[in-house]
Amino acid sequence: MKYLRIDKDILATLTYFNMFDYPLKKREIFSFLCHSDDYTEFDRTLENLVNDSIVFRIGEFYCLQNNQAIAERRVVGNAKAIQMLTKAEKVAGVISAFPYVKGVAVSGSLSKYFADENADIDFFIITTANRLWICRTLLHLFKKLTFLLKMQDFFCMNYFIDEAECCIVEKNFYTAMEIVTILPLRGKKIFDDFYQVNNWTRIFFPNKHPDTFSTKRTGSAWLRLMTEKLFNSRTGCMVDDFLMKLTSKRWAAKTRKNKRNSKGYLMSMCTDKHFSKPNPDHFQKTLLHKYECSLADIYKRLERSRSY
């Protein structure tokens, strides 16, 4: 039945955000539906779920918890996110001036317009083909300087891909959500290309349309121009390969020693000539497993409700 499918679509969306105690507005729920449903039917179905006490309405928000505190938490977190995104815009300008940076976007919770008291600014960076590791190394050397100014939380560059292979390999609900919610700040053309290559996300979110209209150009500082001139050669290829192997070896050692970051997650990175990213075998798979279990539970509640 079509209505049952819309029921499940709504609950699938709310279940995912419920794992982060993040209630959604009505339009936000619709934008994250797994099918391109009619808005009038969606609106009616959502109201039925509220009337059946499967979904709760708290002011303008909807969630799976009848908890006023999480609605208040979102309001506070949204306000802080707006402030942090102003800083992110400035930081993106700095990052985009580095050699071989083609695009800079905000990712993580901040890209969903939420920031708690421990929030940092996570960046998703696209680089020139076959120069990712030179780019990443220069940026992380610069980040070491930010520790002296206690600004390291503004420069969390945890995901790099290059323009040669910018299709995200892991095609699942989590990665689709991250792709459609990143906020491109620099490199309009490269992000237009990125979204085109990753249009598989429409399988998960057909109503969500990424926007690069306000994305600015990358910088063109003298350091960038001179460095690129120096490494646009066979030597540059050798240096990039060396830095990839060196960094991969160091991160593998951290993982073997079970080192954890400030948030308690195992320090493990997945590396390749064309990407540097958190290892999906850890946080991503754990989150997806939790999501699937939570979704199965909420679907059982829905079936019990509809059986009466």
C-alpha atoms as a PDB file:
ATOM      1  CA  MET A   1       0.000   0.000   0.000  1.00  0.00           C
ATOM      2  CA  LYS A   2       1.251   3.477  -0.863  1.00  0.00           C
ATOM      3  CA  TYR A   3       0.326   4.950   2.511  1.00  0.00           C
ATOM      4  CA  LEU A   4       2.255   2.229   4.302  1.00  0.00           C
ATOM      5  CA  ARG A   5       5.308   3.034   2.183  1.00  0.00           C
ATOM      6  CA  ILE A   6       5.045   6.722   3.119  1.00  0.00           C
ATOM      7  CA  ASP A   7       4.661   5.705   6.773  1.00  0.00           C
ATOM      8  CA  LYS A   8       7.886   3.754   6.557  1.00  0.00           C
ATOM      9  CA  ASP A   9       9.684   6.528   4.677  1.00  0.00           C
ATOM     10  CA  ILE A  10       8.801   9.034   7.393  1.00  0.00           C
ATOM     11  CA  LEU A  11       9.854   6.679  10.154  1.00  0.00           C
ATOM     12  CA  ALA A  12      13.096   5.793   8.370  1.00  0.00           C
ATOM     13  CA  THR A  13      14.039   9.474   8.277  1.00  0.00           C
ATOM     14  CA  LEU A  14      13.048  10.193  11.873  1.00  0.00           C
ATOM     15  CA  THR A  15      14.775   7.034  13.114  1.00  0.00           C
ATOM     16  CA  TYR A  16      18.080   8.106  11.615  1.00  0.00           C
ATOM     17  CA  PHE A  17      18.000  11.578  13.149  1.00  0.00           C
ATOM     18  CA  ASN A  18      16.671  10.162  16.411  1.00  0.00           C
ATOM     19  CA  MET A  19      20.041   8.459  16.899  1.00  0.00           C
ATOM     20  CA  PHE A  20      21.464  11.980  17.254  1.00  0.00           C
ATOM     21  CA  ASP A  21      18.530  13.311  19.338  1.00  0.00           C
ATOM     22  CA  TYR A  22      17.741  15.693  16.493  1.00  0.00           C
ATOM     23  CA  PRO A  23      14.052  16.423  15.775  1.00  0.00           C
ATOM     24  CA  LEU A  24      13.080  17.614  12.301  1.00  0.00           C
ATOM     25  CA  LYS A  25      10.754  20.197  10.815  1.00  0.00           C
ATOM     26  CA  LYS A  26       8.032  18.959   8.461  1.00  0.00           C
ATOM     27  CA  ARG A  27       9.765  20.187   5.296  1.00  0.00           C
ATOM     28  CA  GLU A  28      13.016  18.582   6.410  1.00  0.00           C
ATOM     29  CA  ILE A  29      11.345  15.204   6.823  1.00  0.00           C
ATOM     30  CA  PHE A  30       9.919  15.458   3.316  1.00  0.00           C
ATOM     31  CA  SER A  31      13.303  16.350   1.820  1.00  0.00           C
ATOM     32  CA  PHE A  32      14.853  13.176   3.280  1.00  0.00           C
ATOM     33  CA  LEU A  33      12.140  10.720   2.228  1.00  0.00           C
ATOM     34  CA  CYS A  34      13.394   7.655   0.370  1.00  0.00           C
ATOM     35  CA  HIS A  35      10.714   8.065  -2.294  1.00  0.00           C
ATOM     36  CA  SER A  36       9.469  11.139  -4.124  1.00  0.00           C
ATOM     37  CA  ASP A  37       6.046  11.180  -2.488  1.00  0.00           C
ATOM     38  CA  ASP A  38       3.223  13.641  -2.964  1.00  0.00           C
ATOM     39  CA  TYR A  39       3.434  16.338  -0.298  1.00  0.00           C
ATOM     40  CA  THR A  40      -0.304  16.303   0.460  1.00  0.00           C
ATOM     41  CA  GLU A  41      -0.253  12.561   1.114  1.00  0.00           C
ATOM     42  CA  PHE A  42       2.927  12.917   3.123  1.00  0.00           C
ATOM     43  CA  ASP A  43       1.350  15.653   5.264  1.00  0.00           C
ATOM     44  CA  ARG A  44      -1.740  13.544   5.952  1.00  0.00           C
ATOM     45  CA  THR A  45       0.300  10.453   6.765  1.00  0.00           C
ATOM     46  CA  LEU A  46       2.537  12.364   9.159  1.00  0.00           C
ATOM     47  CA  GLU A  47      -0.530  13.637  11.021  1.00  0.00           C
ATOM     48  CA  ASN A  48      -1.840  10.069  11.294  1.00  0.00           C
ATOM     49  CA  LEU A  49       1.460   8.974  12.836  1.00  0.00           C
ATOM     50  CA  VAL A  50       1.180  11.811  15.352  1.00  0.00           C
ATOM     51  CA  ASN A  51      -2.413  10.873  16.183  1.00  0.00           C
ATOM     52  CA  ASP A  52      -1.309   7.270  16.725  1.00  0.00           C
ATOM     53  CA  SER A  53       1.477   8.469  19.090  1.00  0.00           C
ATOM     54  CA  ILE A  54       4.166   6.857  16.962  1.00  0.00           C
ATOM     55  CA  VAL A  55       5.572  10.271  16.065  1.00  0.00           C
ATOM     56  CA  PHE A  56       5.489  13.223  18.462  1.00  0.00           C
ATOM     57  CA  ARG A  57       5.066  16.877  17.549  1.00  0.00           C
ATOM     58  CA  ILE A  58       6.872  19.380  19.760  1.00  0.00           C
ATOM     59  CA  GLY A  59       6.227  22.889  18.492  1.00  0.00           C
ATOM     60  CA  GLU A  60       7.416  22.941  14.878  1.00  0.00           C
ATOM     61  CA  PHE A  61       9.488  19.779  15.303  1.00  0.00           C
ATOM     62  CA  TYR A  62       8.698  16.075  14.863  1.00  0.00           C
ATOM     63  CA  CYS A  63      10.545  13.201  16.495  1.00  0.00           C
ATOM     64  CA  LEU A  64      10.227   9.711  17.957  1.00  0.00           C
ATOM     65  CA  GLN A  65      10.653  10.938  21.529  1.00  0.00           C
ATOM     66  CA  ASN A  66       8.076  12.872  23.517  1.00  0.00           C
ATOM     67  CA  ASN A  67      10.822  15.020  24.964  1.00  0.00           C
ATOM     68  CA  GLN A  68      10.745  18.810  25.034  1.00  0.00           C
ATOM     69  CA  ALA A  69      14.439  18.917  25.938  1.00  0.00           C
ATOM     70  CA  ILE A  70      15.650  17.664  22.565  1.00  0.00           C
ATOM     71  CA  ALA A  71      13.629  20.345  20.778  1.00  0.00           C
ATOM     72  CA  GLU A  72      15.216  22.993  22.987  1.00  0.00           C
ATOM     73  CA  ARG A  73      18.621  21.419  22.389  1.00  0.00           C
ATOM     74  CA  ARG A  74      18.132  21.704  18.642  1.00  0.00           C
ATOM     75  CA  VAL A  75      17.194  25.408  18.847  1.00  0.00           C
ATOM     76  CA  VAL A  76      20.335  26.173  20.851  1.00  0.00           C
ATOM     77  CA  GLY A  77      22.465  23.996  18.554  1.00  0.00           C
ATOM     78  CA  ASN A  78      21.110  25.683  15.429  1.00  0.00           C
ATOM     79  CA  ALA A  79      21.964  29.122  16.795  1.00  0.00           C
ATOM     80  CA  LYS A  80      25.521  28.051  17.627  1.00  0.00           C
ATOM     81  CA  ALA A  81      25.908  26.436  14.193  1.00  0.00           C
ATOM     82  CA  ILE A  82      25.107  29.718  12.450  1.00  0.00           C
ATOM     83  CA  GLN A  83      27.933  31.365  14.398  1.00  0.00           C
ATOM     84  CA  MET A  84      30.358  28.550  13.614  1.00  0.00           C
ATOM     85  CA  LEU A  85      29.483  28.556   9.912  1.00  0.00           C
ATOM     86  CA  THR A  86      30.572  32.198   9.772  1.00  0.00           C
ATOM     87  CA  LYS A  87      33.982  31.043  11.029  1.00  0.00           C
ATOM     88  CA  ALA A  88      33.915  28.074   8.653  1.00  0.00           C
ATOM     89  CA  GLU A  89      33.492  30.431   5.713  1.00  0.00           C
ATOM     90  CA  LYS A  90      36.691  32.266   6.672  1.00  0.00           C
ATOM     91  CA  VAL A  91      38.605  29.040   7.312  1.00  0.00           C
ATOM     92  CA  ALA A  92      37.469  27.648   3.950  1.00  0.00           C
ATOM     93  CA  GLY A  93      39.017  30.698   2.321  1.00  0.00           C
ATOM     94  CA  VAL A  94      42.339  29.897   3.973  1.00  0.00           C
ATOM     95  CA  ILE A  95      42.193  26.202   3.040  1.00  0.00           C
ATOM     96  CA  SER A  96      41.239  26.936  -0.568  1.00  0.00           C
ATOM     97  CA  ALA A  97      44.366  29.051  -1.009  1.00  0.00           C
ATOM     98  CA  PHE A  98      46.584  25.996  -0.432  1.00  0.00           C
ATOM     99  CA  PRO A  99      48.163  24.148  -3.361  1.00  0.00           C
ATOM    100  CA  TYR A 100      45.994  21.674  -5.240  1.00  0.00           C
ATOM    101  CA  VAL A 101      42.760  22.413  -3.330  1.00  0.00           C
ATOM    102  CA  LYS A 102      39.881  22.331  -5.828  1.00  0.00           C
ATOM    103  CA  GLY A 103      36.923  22.415  -3.439  1.00  0.00           C
ATOM    104  CA  VAL A 104      36.127  22.862   0.256  1.00  0.00           C
ATOM    105  CA  ALA A 105      32.880  21.929   2.017  1.00  0.00           C
ATOM    106  CA  VAL A 106      31.672  21.685   5.603  1.00  0.00           C
ATOM    107  CA  SER A 107      30.637  18.172   6.642  1.00  0.00           C
ATOM    108  CA  GLY A 108      29.514  16.407   9.816  1.00  0.00           C
ATOM    109  CA  SER A 109      26.913  17.766  12.229  1.00  0.00           C
ATOM    110  CA  LEU A 110      27.692  21.370  11.326  1.00  0.00           C
ATOM    111  CA  SER A 111      26.610  20.711   7.736  1.00  0.00           C
ATOM    112  CA  LYS A 112      23.189  19.888   9.198  1.00  0.00           C
ATOM    113  CA  TYR A 113      23.183  23.254  10.978  1.00  0.00           C
ATOM    114  CA  PHE A 114      23.808  21.841  14.445  1.00  0.00           C
ATOM    115  CA  ALA A 115      26.647  22.409  16.899  1.00  0.00           C
ATOM    116  CA  ASP A 116      26.855  21.329  20.526  1.00  0.00           C
ATOM    117  CA  GLU A 117      29.294  22.499  23.192  1.00  0.00           C
ATOM    118  CA  ASN A 118      32.025  20.162  21.870  1.00  0.00           C
ATOM    119  CA  ALA A 119      31.517  20.885  18.171  1.00  0.00           C
ATOM    120  CA  ASP A 120      34.384  21.384  15.770  1.00  0.00           C
ATOM    121  CA  ILE A 121      34.431  22.279  12.079  1.00  0.00           C
ATOM    122  CA  ASP A 122      34.841  19.252   9.819  1.00  0.00           C
ATOM    123  CA  PHE A 123      35.918  19.831   6.234  1.00  0.00           C
ATOM    124  CA  PHE A 124      35.484  17.714   3.125  1.00  0.00           C
ATOM    125  CA  ILE A 125      38.184  18.587   0.571  1.00  0.00           C
ATOM    126  CA  ILE A 126      38.527  17.796  -3.134  1.00  0.00           C
ATOM    127  CA  THR A 127      42.026  18.060  -4.608  1.00  0.00           C
ATOM    128  CA  THR A 128      43.690  18.095  -7.991  1.00  0.00           C
ATOM    129  CA  ALA A 129      44.132  14.640  -9.544  1.00  0.00           C
ATOM    130  CA  ASN A 130      47.182  12.719  -8.234  1.00  0.00           C
ATOM    131  CA  ARG A 131      48.252  15.487  -5.857  1.00  0.00           C
ATOM    132  CA  LEU A 132      46.036  14.671  -2.875  1.00  0.00           C
ATOM    133  CA  TRP A 133      48.897  13.687  -0.590  1.00  0.00           C
ATOM    134  CA  ILE A 134      50.996  16.779  -1.242  1.00  0.00           C
ATOM    135  CA  CYS A 135      47.896  18.866  -0.584  1.00  0.00           C
ATOM    136  CA  ARG A 136      46.937  16.963   2.551  1.00  0.00           C
ATOM    137  CA  THR A 137      50.460  17.060   3.982  1.00  0.00           C
ATOM    138  CA  LEU A 138      50.781  20.819   3.529  1.00  0.00           C
ATOM    139  CA  LEU A 139      47.400  21.403   5.151  1.00  0.00           C
ATOM    140  CA  HIS A 140      48.188  19.176   8.118  1.00  0.00           C
ATOM    141  CA  LEU A 141      51.568  20.821   8.617  1.00  0.00           C
ATOM    142  CA  PHE A 142      49.686  24.104   8.740  1.00  0.00           C
ATOM    143  CA  LYS A 143      47.227  22.611  11.225  1.00  0.00           C
ATOM    144  CA  LYS A 144      50.080  21.936  13.639  1.00  0.00           C
ATOM    145  CA  LEU A 145      50.570  25.698  13.799  1.00  0.00           C
ATOM    146  CA  THR A 146      46.907  26.200  14.716  1.00  0.00           C
ATOM    147  CA  PHE A 147      47.502  24.314  17.969  1.00  0.00           C
ATOM    148  CA  LEU A 148      49.693  27.203  19.090  1.00  0.00           C
ATOM    149  CA  LEU A 149      46.714  29.538  18.702  1.00  0.00           C
ATOM    150  CA  LYS A 150      44.245  26.958  20.082  1.00  0.00           C
ATOM    151  CA  MET A 151      42.352  27.046  16.782  1.00  0.00           C
ATOM    152  CA  GLN A 152      42.803  23.387  15.864  1.00  0.00           C
ATOM    153  CA  ASP A 153      39.075  22.648  16.192  1.00  0.00           C
ATOM    154  CA  PHE A 154      38.443  25.013  13.278  1.00  0.00           C
ATOM    155  CA  PHE A 155      40.658  22.941  10.952  1.00  0.00           C
ATOM    156  CA  CYS A 156      39.388  19.346  11.157  1.00  0.00           C
ATOM    157  CA  MET A 157      40.234  18.097   7.665  1.00  0.00           C
ATOM    158  CA  ASN A 158      39.230  14.457   7.900  1.00  0.00           C
ATOM    159  CA  TYR A 159      38.070  13.545   4.392  1.00  0.00           C
ATOM    160  CA  PHE A 160      40.018  14.093   1.152  1.00  0.00           C
ATOM    161  CA  ILE A 161      39.262  12.883  -2.354  1.00  0.00           C
ATOM    162  CA  ASP A 162      40.787  13.954  -5.656  1.00  0.00           C
ATOM    163  CA  GLU A 163      39.005  14.955  -8.831  1.00  0.00           C
ATOM    164  CA  ALA A 164      40.163  11.850 -10.713  1.00  0.00           C
ATOM    165  CA  GLU A 165      37.954   9.501  -8.691  1.00  0.00           C
ATOM    166  CA  CYS A 166      35.419  11.543  -6.755  1.00  0.00           C
ATOM    167  CA  CYS A 167      32.645   8.949  -6.751  1.00  0.00           C
ATOM    168  CA  ILE A 168      32.088   7.745  -3.178  1.00  0.00           C
ATOM    169  CA  VAL A 169      32.560   3.977  -3.167  1.00  0.00           C
ATOM    170  CA  GLU A 170      30.385   3.137  -0.135  1.00  0.00           C
ATOM    171  CA  LYS A 171      26.846   3.601  -1.437  1.00  0.00           C
ATOM    172  CA  ASN A 172      24.575   3.391   1.598  1.00  0.00           C
ATOM    173  CA  PHE A 173      22.146   5.478   3.636  1.00  0.00           C
ATOM    174  CA  TYR A 174      24.889   7.031   5.766  1.00  0.00           C
ATOM    175  CA  THR A 175      27.175   8.109   2.911  1.00  0.00           C
ATOM    176  CA  ALA A 176      24.211   9.354   0.866  1.00  0.00           C
ATOM    177  CA  MET A 177      23.108  11.480   3.818  1.00  0.00           C
ATOM    178  CA  GLU A 178      26.587  12.931   4.232  1.00  0.00           C
ATOM    179  CA  ILE A 179      26.866  13.752   0.531  1.00  0.00           C
ATOM    180  CA  VAL A 180      23.529  15.537   0.194  1.00  0.00           C
ATOM    181  CA  THR A 181      24.060  17.557   3.379  1.00  0.00           C
ATOM    182  CA  ILE A 182      27.629  18.819   2.921  1.00  0.00           C
ATOM    183  CA  LEU A 183      27.830  22.577   2.472  1.00  0.00           C
ATOM    184  CA  PRO A 184      30.169  23.550  -0.396  1.00  0.00           C
ATOM    185  CA  LEU A 185      31.935  26.821   0.409  1.00  0.00           C
ATOM    186  CA  ARG A 186      34.687  26.933  -2.235  1.00  0.00           C
ATOM    187  CA  GLY A 187      34.890  25.400  -5.727  1.00  0.00           C
ATOM    188  CA  LYS A 188      31.489  25.605  -7.405  1.00  0.00           C
ATOM    189  CA  LYS A 189      32.507  23.773 -10.588  1.00  0.00           C
ATOM    190  CA  ILE A 190      34.175  20.862  -8.843  1.00  0.00           C
ATOM    191  CA  PHE A 191      31.179  20.346  -6.568  1.00  0.00           C
ATOM    192  CA  ASP A 192      28.782  20.493  -9.507  1.00  0.00           C
ATOM    193  CA  ASP A 193      30.869  17.678 -11.004  1.00  0.00           C
ATOM    194  CA  PHE A 194      30.976  15.865  -7.656  1.00  0.00           C
ATOM    195  CA  TYR A 195      27.202  15.847  -7.313  1.00  0.00           C
ATOM    196  CA  GLN A 196      26.808  14.672 -10.888  1.00  0.00           C
ATOM    197  CA  VAL A 197      29.175  11.740 -10.365  1.00  0.00           C
ATOM    198  CA  ASN A 198      27.401  10.878  -7.102  1.00  0.00           C
ATOM    199  CA  ASN A 199      23.854  11.205  -8.399  1.00  0.00           C
ATOM    200  CA  TRP A 200      23.278   7.664  -7.057  1.00  0.00           C
ATOM    201  CA  THR A 201      22.257   9.458  -3.841  1.00  0.00           C
ATOM    202  CA  ARG A 202      18.891  10.159  -5.484  1.00  0.00           C
ATOM    203  CA  ILE A 203      18.085   6.485  -4.904  1.00  0.00           C
ATOM    204  CA  PHE A 204      18.025   7.321  -1.202  1.00  0.00           C
ATOM    205  CA  PHE A 205      16.923  10.977  -1.277  1.00  0.00           C
ATOM    206  CA  PRO A 206      15.076  11.904  -4.479  1.00  0.00           C
ATOM    207  CA  ASN A 207      13.636  15.061  -2.878  1.00  0.00           C
ATOM    208  CA  LYS A 208      16.988  16.437  -1.720  1.00  0.00           C
ATOM    209  CA  HIS A 209      18.665  18.723  -4.249  1.00  0.00           C
ATOM    210  CA  PRO A 210      22.215  19.909  -3.377  1.00  0.00           C
ATOM    211  CA  ASP A 211      22.848  23.583  -4.030  1.00  0.00           C
ATOM    212  CA  THR A 212      26.150  25.181  -5.101  1.00  0.00           C
ATOM    213  CA  PHE A 213      24.677  28.544  -6.078  1.00  0.00           C
ATOM    214  CA  SER A 214      26.455  30.494  -3.333  1.00  0.00           C
ATOM    215  CA  THR A 215      29.720  28.512  -3.522  1.00  0.00           C
ATOM    216  CA  LYS A 216      32.721  30.779  -4.129  1.00  0.00           C
ATOM    217  CA  ARG A 217      35.874  30.227  -6.162  1.00  0.00           C
ATOM    218  CA  THR A 218      39.030  28.813  -4.614  1.00  0.00           C
ATOM    219  CA  GLY A 219      41.891  31.145  -3.747  1.00  0.00           C
ATOM    220  CA  SER A 220      44.980  31.846  -5.850  1.00  0.00           C
ATOM    221  CA  ALA A 221      47.686  32.814  -3.350  1.00  0.00           C
ATOM    222  CA  TRP A 222      51.321  33.082  -4.481  1.00  0.00           C
ATOM    223  CA  LEU A 223      52.276  30.076  -2.334  1.00  0.00           C
ATOM    224  CA  ARG A 224      49.752  27.964  -4.170  1.00  0.00           C
ATOM    225  CA  LEU A 225      50.918  29.043  -7.612  1.00  0.00           C
ATOM    226  CA  MET A 226      54.618  28.549  -6.878  1.00  0.00           C
ATOM    227  CA  THR A 227      54.146  25.174  -5.183  1.00  0.00           C
ATOM    228  CA  GLU A 228      52.016  23.829  -7.995  1.00  0.00           C
ATOM    229  CA  LYS A 229      54.574  25.003 -10.544  1.00  0.00           C
ATOM    230  CA  LEU A 230      57.268  23.163  -8.587  1.00  0.00           C
ATOM    231  CA  PHE A 231      55.364  19.872  -8.244  1.00  0.00           C
ATOM    232  CA  ASN A 232      53.608  19.716 -11.621  1.00  0.00           C
ATOM    233  CA  SER A 233      56.244  17.274 -12.789  1.00  0.00           C
ATOM    234  CA  ARG A 234      57.389  13.686 -12.490  1.00  0.00           C
ATOM    235  CA  THR A 235      59.057  14.661  -9.227  1.00  0.00           C
ATOM    236  CA  GLY A 236      55.649  15.756  -7.928  1.00  0.00           C
ATOM    237  CA  CYS A 237      54.242  12.307  -8.699  1.00  0.00           C
ATOM    238  CA  MET A 238      57.072  10.673  -6.767  1.00  0.00           C
ATOM    239  CA  VAL A 239      56.659  13.010  -3.803  1.00  0.00           C
ATOM    240  CA  ASP A 240      52.897  12.388  -3.719  1.00  0.00           C
ATOM    241  CA  ASP A 241      53.421   8.608  -3.727  1.00  0.00           C
ATOM    242  CA  PHE A 242      56.023   8.869  -0.971  1.00  0.00           C
ATOM    243  CA  LEU A 243      53.746  10.968   1.247  1.00  0.00           C
ATOM    244  CA  MET A 244      50.854   8.540   0.732  1.00  0.00           C
ATOM    245  CA  LYS A 245      52.972   5.566   1.834  1.00  0.00           C
ATOM    246  CA  LEU A 246      54.457   7.457   4.784  1.00  0.00           C
ATOM    247  CA  THR A 247      51.093   8.688   6.075  1.00  0.00           C
ATOM    248  CA  SER A 248      49.404   5.306   5.567  1.00  0.00           C
ATOM    249  CA  LYS A 249      52.157   3.597   7.554  1.00  0.00           C
ATOM    250  CA  ARG A 250      51.869   6.070  10.440  1.00  0.00           C
ATOM    251  CA  TRP A 251      48.085   5.713  10.629  1.00  0.00           C
ATOM    252  CA  ALA A 252      48.280   1.920  10.508  1.00  0.00           C
ATOM    253  CA  ALA A 253      50.577   2.088  13.522  1.00  0.00           C
ATOM    254  CA  LYS A 254      48.044   4.244  15.421  1.00  0.00           C
ATOM    255  CA  THR A 255      45.308   1.729  14.698  1.00  0.00           C
ATOM    256  CA  ARG A 256      47.437  -1.210  15.850  1.00  0.00           C
ATOM    257  CA  LYS A 257      48.122   0.625  19.120  1.00  0.00           C
ATOM    258  CA  ASN A 258      44.368   1.181  19.565  1.00  0.00           C
ATOM    259  CA  LYS A 259      44.787   4.939  19.804  1.00  0.00           C
ATOM    260  CA  ARG A 260      41.604   6.991  20.215  1.00  0.00           C
ATOM    261  CA  ASN A 261      40.772  10.544  19.220  1.00  0.00           C
ATOM    262  CA  SER A 262      39.271  13.202  21.506  1.00  0.00           C
ATOM    263  CA  LYS A 263      35.764  11.805  20.869  1.00  0.00           C
ATOM    264  CA  GLY A 264      36.765   8.261  21.818  1.00  0.00           C
ATOM    265  CA  TYR A 265      36.766   6.810  18.303  1.00  0.00           C
ATOM    266  CA  LEU A 266      39.516   4.450  17.152  1.00  0.00           C
ATOM    267  CA  MET A 267      42.060   6.324  15.034  1.00  0.00           C
ATOM    268  CA  SER A 268      41.861   4.421  11.768  1.00  0.00           C
ATOM    269  CA  MET A 269      42.161   5.798   8.250  1.00  0.00           C
ATOM    270  CA  CYS A 270      41.454   4.294   4.846  1.00  0.00           C
ATOM    271  CA  THR A 271      43.991   5.466   2.264  1.00  0.00           C
ATOM    272  CA  ASP A 272      44.488   5.257  -1.478  1.00  0.00           C
ATOM    273  CA  LYS A 273      46.104   7.325  -4.226  1.00  0.00           C
ATOM    274  CA  HIS A 274      42.787   9.133  -4.685  1.00  0.00           C
ATOM    275  CA  PHE A 275      41.329   9.369  -1.165  1.00  0.00           C
ATOM    276  CA  SER A 276      42.062   9.726   2.531  1.00  0.00           C
ATOM    277  CA  LYS A 277      39.070   9.084   4.774  1.00  0.00           C
ATOM    278  CA  PRO A 278      37.940   7.598   8.088  1.00  0.00           C
ATOM    279  CA  ASN A 279      37.852   3.813   7.893  1.00  0.00           C
ATOM    280  CA  PRO A 280      34.230   2.805   7.137  1.00  0.00           C
ATOM    281  CA  ASP A 281      34.723  -0.476   9.001  1.00  0.00           C
ATOM    282  CA  HIS A 282      34.441   1.385  12.290  1.00  0.00           C
ATOM    283  CA  PHE A 283      32.078   4.321  12.959  1.00  0.00           C
ATOM    284  CA  GLN A 284      30.120   4.019   9.703  1.00  0.00           C
ATOM    285  CA  LYS A 285      29.336   0.309   9.984  1.00  0.00           C
ATOM    286  CA  THR A 286      28.524   0.605  13.685  1.00  0.00           C
ATOM    287  CA  LEU A 287      26.125   3.450  13.011  1.00  0.00           C
ATOM    288  CA  LEU A 288      24.401   1.620  10.136  1.00  0.00           C
ATOM    289  CA  HIS A 289      23.941  -1.491  12.273  1.00  0.00           C
ATOM    290  CA  LYS A 290      22.388   0.581  15.050  1.00  0.00           C
ATOM    291  CA  TYR A 291      20.144   2.287  12.507  1.00  0.00           C
ATOM    292  CA  GLU A 292      18.910  -0.997  11.041  1.00  0.00           C
ATOM    293  CA  CYS A 293      18.085  -2.369  14.507  1.00  0.00           C
ATOM    294  CA  SER A 294      16.263   0.826  15.504  1.00  0.00           C
ATOM    295  CA  LEU A 295      14.352   0.830  12.225  1.00  0.00           C
ATOM    296  CA  ALA A 296      13.209  -2.768  12.715  1.00  0.00           C
ATOM    297  CA  ASP A 297      11.844  -1.843  16.149  1.00  0.00           C
ATOM    298  CA  ILE A 298       9.922   1.206  14.930  1.00  0.00           C
ATOM    299  CA  TYR A 299       8.472  -0.751  11.996  1.00  0.00           C
ATOM    300  CA  LYS A 300       7.136  -3.332  14.467  1.00  0.00           C
ATOM    301  CA  ARG A 301       5.436  -0.519  16.381  1.00  0.00           C
ATOM    302  CA  LEU A 302       3.883   0.699  13.153  1.00  0.00           C
ATOM    303  CA  GLU A 303       2.579  -2.756  12.239  1.00  0.00           C
ATOM    304  CA  ARG A 304       1.097  -3.259  15.708  1.00  0.00           C
ATOM    305  CA  SER A 305      -0.619   0.120  15.487  1.00  0.00           C
ATOM    306  CA  ARG A 306      -2.070  -0.621  12.060  1.00  0.00           C
ATOM    307  CA  SER A 307      -3.301  -4.080  13.131  1.00  0.00           C
ATOM    308  CA  TYR A 308      -5.793  -2.677  15.646  1.00  0.00           C
END
